[in-house]
Amino acid sequence: METALFYLFAAIALGAAISVVAQRRVFYSALSLIVCLCALAGTYMLLQAQFIAAVQVIVYAGAIMVVFLFVIMLLDPFSAAVLRDKKKYLGYVAVPLGAAAIACLYPMLRSYNMALAPRTPILTDGFGNVRHVGETLFTEYLLPFEVTSILILVAIIGTVILAKRQS
């Protein structure tokens, strides 16, 4: 049963990922990305990593994609002027960037060794579930967690101050 579910989620994720690239409209591409992220959350659930699956849905498919869709609607990429200007440079830039990406990735893909499996760490029981992540976060990684929360708070306060100056 798990194997069938894995293949189902993998097929959905693969189809949605292809749809992200193949769509002509940015809005539909973003919606396809949401489907892909939700399918990945399903595969995380099959791996008994409930916390990662919940984060995948809440943070990525929820919050970040809402911001993406908001920016897409705000910038109005469907206007004729934007589409006309966009098409000019894409043809000249796409081929060199694609060649550079392949040239950078080729040595890494060539040296990839499938014999890495024996060197993978043995995971403890309960790895990736909410309880284990919470205990690890608030024991071993408490200081980095608190420093990150202070940095986020400072960034929010700075944003509010900058926004008040401009208004």
C-alpha atoms as a PDB file:
ATOM      1  CA  MET A   1       0.000   0.000   0.000  1.00  0.00           C
ATOM      2  CA  GLU A   2       2.820   2.426   0.886  1.00  0.00           C
ATOM      3  CA  THR A   3       4.529   1.730  -2.408  1.00  0.00           C
ATOM      4  CA  ALA A   4       1.367   2.520  -4.335  1.00  0.00           C
ATOM      5  CA  LEU A   5       0.901   5.757  -2.396  1.00  0.00           C
ATOM      6  CA  PHE A   6       4.529   6.683  -3.011  1.00  0.00           C
ATOM      7  CA  TYR A   7       4.125   6.208  -6.753  1.00  0.00           C
ATOM      8  CA  LEU A   8       0.879   8.186  -6.680  1.00  0.00           C
ATOM      9  CA  PHE A   9       2.465  11.131  -4.842  1.00  0.00           C
ATOM     10  CA  ALA A  10       5.566  10.914  -7.047  1.00  0.00           C
ATOM     11  CA  ALA A  11       3.450  10.987 -10.211  1.00  0.00           C
ATOM     12  CA  ILE A  12       1.459  13.965  -8.939  1.00  0.00           C
ATOM     13  CA  ALA A  13       4.645  15.815  -7.949  1.00  0.00           C
ATOM     14  CA  LEU A  14       6.310  15.060 -11.278  1.00  0.00           C
ATOM     15  CA  GLY A  15       3.266  16.094 -13.294  1.00  0.00           C
ATOM     16  CA  ALA A  16       2.885  19.298 -11.290  1.00  0.00           C
ATOM     17  CA  ALA A  17       6.606  20.090 -11.626  1.00  0.00           C
ATOM     18  CA  ILE A  18       6.395  19.668 -15.399  1.00  0.00           C
ATOM     19  CA  SER A  19       3.300  21.856 -15.380  1.00  0.00           C
ATOM     20  CA  VAL A  20       5.210  24.574 -13.467  1.00  0.00           C
ATOM     21  CA  VAL A  21       7.693  24.811 -16.307  1.00  0.00           C
ATOM     22  CA  ALA A  22       5.272  24.226 -19.185  1.00  0.00           C
ATOM     23  CA  GLN A  23       2.548  26.725 -18.253  1.00  0.00           C
ATOM     24  CA  ARG A  24       2.347  29.915 -20.268  1.00  0.00           C
ATOM     25  CA  ARG A  25       0.733  31.912 -17.470  1.00  0.00           C
ATOM     26  CA  VAL A  26       2.687  32.647 -14.300  1.00  0.00           C
ATOM     27  CA  PHE A  27      -0.432  32.349 -12.156  1.00  0.00           C
ATOM     28  CA  TYR A  28      -1.137  28.772 -13.285  1.00  0.00           C
ATOM     29  CA  SER A  29       2.520  27.919 -12.847  1.00  0.00           C
ATOM     30  CA  ALA A  30       2.331  29.058  -9.207  1.00  0.00           C
ATOM     31  CA  LEU A  31      -0.812  26.976  -8.670  1.00  0.00           C
ATOM     32  CA  SER A  32       0.981  23.946 -10.104  1.00  0.00           C
ATOM     33  CA  LEU A  33       3.819  24.583  -7.676  1.00  0.00           C
ATOM     34  CA  ILE A  34       1.344  24.460  -4.781  1.00  0.00           C
ATOM     35  CA  VAL A  35       0.145  21.035  -6.008  1.00  0.00           C
ATOM     36  CA  CYS A  36       3.755  19.857  -6.262  1.00  0.00           C
ATOM     37  CA  LEU A  37       4.546  21.017  -2.712  1.00  0.00           C
ATOM     38  CA  CYS A  38       1.466  19.270  -1.339  1.00  0.00           C
ATOM     39  CA  ALA A  39       2.444  16.033  -3.103  1.00  0.00           C
ATOM     40  CA  LEU A  40       5.883  16.292  -1.518  1.00  0.00           C
ATOM     41  CA  ALA A  41       4.200  16.677   1.856  1.00  0.00           C
ATOM     42  CA  GLY A  42       2.406  13.423   1.149  1.00  0.00           C
ATOM     43  CA  THR A  43       5.713  11.657   0.544  1.00  0.00           C
ATOM     44  CA  TYR A  44       7.042  13.089   3.812  1.00  0.00           C
ATOM     45  CA  MET A  45       4.035  11.612   5.580  1.00  0.00           C
ATOM     46  CA  LEU A  46       4.889   8.222   4.094  1.00  0.00           C
ATOM     47  CA  LEU A  47       8.378   8.606   5.578  1.00  0.00           C
ATOM     48  CA  GLN A  48       6.831   9.187   9.036  1.00  0.00           C
ATOM     49  CA  ALA A  49       8.141  12.778   9.073  1.00  0.00           C
ATOM     50  CA  GLN A  50       4.948  14.489  10.172  1.00  0.00           C
ATOM     51  CA  PHE A  51       6.620  17.731  11.226  1.00  0.00           C
ATOM     52  CA  ILE A  52       8.345  18.214   7.887  1.00  0.00           C
ATOM     53  CA  ALA A  53       5.097  17.458   6.065  1.00  0.00           C
ATOM     54  CA  ALA A  54       3.219  20.000   8.168  1.00  0.00           C
ATOM     55  CA  VAL A  55       5.904  22.631   7.600  1.00  0.00           C
ATOM     56  CA  GLN A  56       5.822  21.873   3.889  1.00  0.00           C
ATOM     57  CA  VAL A  57       2.089  22.553   3.709  1.00  0.00           C
ATOM     58  CA  ILE A  58       1.852  25.430   6.185  1.00  0.00           C
ATOM     59  CA  VAL A  59       4.988  27.376   5.308  1.00  0.00           C
ATOM     60  CA  TYR A  60       5.693  26.613   1.666  1.00  0.00           C
ATOM     61  CA  ALA A  61       2.340  25.735   0.127  1.00  0.00           C
ATOM     62  CA  GLY A  62       0.533  28.151   2.413  1.00  0.00           C
ATOM     63  CA  ALA A  63       2.419  31.287   3.335  1.00  0.00           C
ATOM     64  CA  ILE A  64       5.140  31.566   0.714  1.00  0.00           C
ATOM     65  CA  MET A  65       2.900  30.694  -2.215  1.00  0.00           C
ATOM     66  CA  VAL A  66       0.326  33.244  -1.046  1.00  0.00           C
ATOM     67  CA  VAL A  67       3.092  35.842  -1.162  1.00  0.00           C
ATOM     68  CA  PHE A  68       4.100  34.624  -4.648  1.00  0.00           C
ATOM     69  CA  LEU A  69       0.526  34.897  -5.885  1.00  0.00           C
ATOM     70  CA  PHE A  70       0.145  38.340  -4.302  1.00  0.00           C
ATOM     71  CA  VAL A  71       3.298  39.595  -6.031  1.00  0.00           C
ATOM     72  CA  ILE A  72       2.194  38.082  -9.339  1.00  0.00           C
ATOM     73  CA  MET A  73      -1.155  39.844  -9.118  1.00  0.00           C
ATOM     74  CA  LEU A  74       0.489  43.091  -7.965  1.00  0.00           C
ATOM     75  CA  LEU A  75       3.043  43.227 -10.781  1.00  0.00           C
ATOM     76  CA  ASP A  76       0.479  42.372 -13.463  1.00  0.00           C
ATOM     77  CA  PRO A  77       2.732  40.266 -15.691  1.00  0.00           C
ATOM     78  CA  PHE A  78      -0.130  39.810 -18.156  1.00  0.00           C
ATOM     79  CA  SER A  79       0.024  43.325 -19.583  1.00  0.00           C
ATOM     80  CA  ALA A  80       1.097  43.675 -23.221  1.00  0.00           C
ATOM     81  CA  ALA A  81       4.046  45.977 -22.451  1.00  0.00           C
ATOM     82  CA  VAL A  82       5.604  43.540 -20.005  1.00  0.00           C
ATOM     83  CA  LEU A  83       5.191  40.593 -22.374  1.00  0.00           C
ATOM     84  CA  ARG A  84       6.679  42.521 -25.312  1.00  0.00           C
ATOM     85  CA  ASP A  85       9.735  43.684 -23.340  1.00  0.00           C
ATOM     86  CA  LYS A  86      10.227  40.261 -21.810  1.00  0.00           C
ATOM     87  CA  LYS A  87      10.416  38.434 -25.123  1.00  0.00           C
ATOM     88  CA  LYS A  88      13.240  40.607 -26.480  1.00  0.00           C
ATOM     89  CA  TYR A  89      15.984  39.482 -24.163  1.00  0.00           C
ATOM     90  CA  LEU A  90      14.902  35.984 -23.212  1.00  0.00           C
ATOM     91  CA  GLY A  91      16.125  34.393 -26.416  1.00  0.00           C
ATOM     92  CA  TYR A  92      19.584  35.898 -26.087  1.00  0.00           C
ATOM     93  CA  VAL A  93      19.999  35.076 -22.410  1.00  0.00           C
ATOM     94  CA  ALA A  94      18.430  31.616 -22.220  1.00  0.00           C
ATOM     95  CA  VAL A  95      20.929  29.666 -24.317  1.00  0.00           C
ATOM     96  CA  PRO A  96      24.134  30.924 -22.603  1.00  0.00           C
ATOM     97  CA  LEU A  97      22.613  30.516 -19.143  1.00  0.00           C
ATOM     98  CA  GLY A  98      21.465  26.997 -19.959  1.00  0.00           C
ATOM     99  CA  ALA A  99      24.905  26.070 -21.293  1.00  0.00           C
ATOM    100  CA  ALA A 100      26.566  27.542 -18.194  1.00  0.00           C
ATOM    101  CA  ALA A 101      24.220  25.597 -15.904  1.00  0.00           C
ATOM    102  CA  ILE A 102      24.963  22.335 -17.711  1.00  0.00           C
ATOM    103  CA  ALA A 103      28.696  23.046 -17.619  1.00  0.00           C
ATOM    104  CA  CYS A 104      28.541  23.661 -13.868  1.00  0.00           C
ATOM    105  CA  LEU A 105      26.395  20.623 -13.119  1.00  0.00           C
ATOM    106  CA  TYR A 106      28.184  18.139 -15.391  1.00  0.00           C
ATOM    107  CA  PRO A 107      31.207  17.438 -13.127  1.00  0.00           C
ATOM    108  CA  MET A 108      28.959  16.998 -10.107  1.00  0.00           C
ATOM    109  CA  LEU A 109      26.605  14.634 -11.905  1.00  0.00           C
ATOM    110  CA  ARG A 110      29.490  12.687 -13.400  1.00  0.00           C
ATOM    111  CA  SER A 111      31.176  12.130 -10.041  1.00  0.00           C
ATOM    112  CA  TYR A 112      27.961  11.130  -8.292  1.00  0.00           C
ATOM    113  CA  ASN A 113      28.440   7.702  -6.800  1.00  0.00           C
ATOM    114  CA  MET A 114      25.535   5.396  -6.085  1.00  0.00           C
ATOM    115  CA  ALA A 115      27.608   3.628  -3.406  1.00  0.00           C
ATOM    116  CA  LEU A 116      26.808   6.352  -0.867  1.00  0.00           C
ATOM    117  CA  ALA A 117      24.113   4.235   0.780  1.00  0.00           C
ATOM    118  CA  PRO A 118      26.413   2.487   3.315  1.00  0.00           C
ATOM    119  CA  ARG A 119      27.630   5.883   4.561  1.00  0.00           C
ATOM    120  CA  THR A 120      24.172   7.243   5.345  1.00  0.00           C
ATOM    121  CA  PRO A 121      23.567   7.748   9.057  1.00  0.00           C
ATOM    122  CA  ILE A 122      21.276   5.408  10.912  1.00  0.00           C
ATOM    123  CA  LEU A 123      18.220   7.343  12.012  1.00  0.00           C
ATOM    124  CA  THR A 124      16.883   6.928  15.502  1.00  0.00           C
ATOM    125  CA  ASP A 125      13.323   5.836  16.136  1.00  0.00           C
ATOM    126  CA  GLY A 126      10.939   8.784  15.930  1.00  0.00           C
ATOM    127  CA  PHE A 127      13.291  10.886  13.808  1.00  0.00           C
ATOM    128  CA  GLY A 128      11.407  13.687  12.053  1.00  0.00           C
ATOM    129  CA  ASN A 129       8.271  13.608  14.144  1.00  0.00           C
ATOM    130  CA  VAL A 130       7.076  16.649  16.059  1.00  0.00           C
ATOM    131  CA  ARG A 131       8.191  15.483  19.489  1.00  0.00           C
ATOM    132  CA  HIS A 132      11.749  14.714  18.410  1.00  0.00           C
ATOM    133  CA  VAL A 133      12.093  18.010  16.513  1.00  0.00           C
ATOM    134  CA  GLY A 134      10.717  19.973  19.489  1.00  0.00           C
ATOM    135  CA  GLU A 135      13.012  18.283  22.004  1.00  0.00           C
ATOM    136  CA  THR A 136      16.054  18.808  19.801  1.00  0.00           C
ATOM    137  CA  LEU A 137      15.139  22.412  19.042  1.00  0.00           C
ATOM    138  CA  PHE A 138      14.693  23.394  22.678  1.00  0.00           C
ATOM    139  CA  THR A 139      17.673  21.460  24.099  1.00  0.00           C
ATOM    140  CA  GLU A 140      20.592  21.313  21.669  1.00  0.00           C
ATOM    141  CA  TYR A 141      19.648  24.260  19.432  1.00  0.00           C
ATOM    142  CA  LEU A 142      18.065  26.653  21.927  1.00  0.00           C
ATOM    143  CA  LEU A 143      20.608  29.461  21.483  1.00  0.00           C
ATOM    144  CA  PRO A 144      20.473  29.543  17.645  1.00  0.00           C
ATOM    145  CA  PHE A 145      16.671  29.369  17.841  1.00  0.00           C
ATOM    146  CA  GLU A 146      16.504  32.377  20.170  1.00  0.00           C
ATOM    147  CA  VAL A 147      19.074  34.350  18.141  1.00  0.00           C
ATOM    148  CA  THR A 148      17.030  33.719  14.995  1.00  0.00           C
ATOM    149  CA  SER A 149      13.856  34.911  16.681  1.00  0.00           C
ATOM    150  CA  ILE A 150      15.628  38.116  17.813  1.00  0.00           C
ATOM    151  CA  LEU A 151      16.921  38.716  14.271  1.00  0.00           C
ATOM    152  CA  ILE A 152      13.425  38.296  12.858  1.00  0.00           C
ATOM    153  CA  LEU A 153      12.043  40.685  15.480  1.00  0.00           C
ATOM    154  CA  VAL A 154      14.698  43.293  14.608  1.00  0.00           C
ATOM    155  CA  ALA A 155      13.862  42.911  10.906  1.00  0.00           C
ATOM    156  CA  ILE A 156      10.147  43.426  11.576  1.00  0.00           C
ATOM    157  CA  ILE A 157      10.822  46.518  13.705  1.00  0.00           C
ATOM    158  CA  GLY A 158      13.145  47.913  11.011  1.00  0.00           C
ATOM    159  CA  THR A 159      10.501  47.358   8.354  1.00  0.00           C
ATOM    160  CA  VAL A 160       7.870  49.168  10.422  1.00  0.00           C
ATOM    161  CA  ILE A 161      10.223  52.113  11.042  1.00  0.00           C
ATOM    162  CA  LEU A 162      11.112  52.379   7.337  1.00  0.00           C
ATOM    163  CA  ALA A 163       7.456  52.160   6.349  1.00  0.00           C
ATOM    164  CA  LYS A 164       6.493  54.936   8.798  1.00  0.00           C
ATOM    165  CA  ARG A 165       9.219  57.232   7.426  1.00  0.00           C
ATOM    166  CA  GLN A 166       7.924  56.875   3.884  1.00  0.00           C
ATOM    167  CA  SER A 167       4.299  57.603   4.782  1.00  0.00           C
END
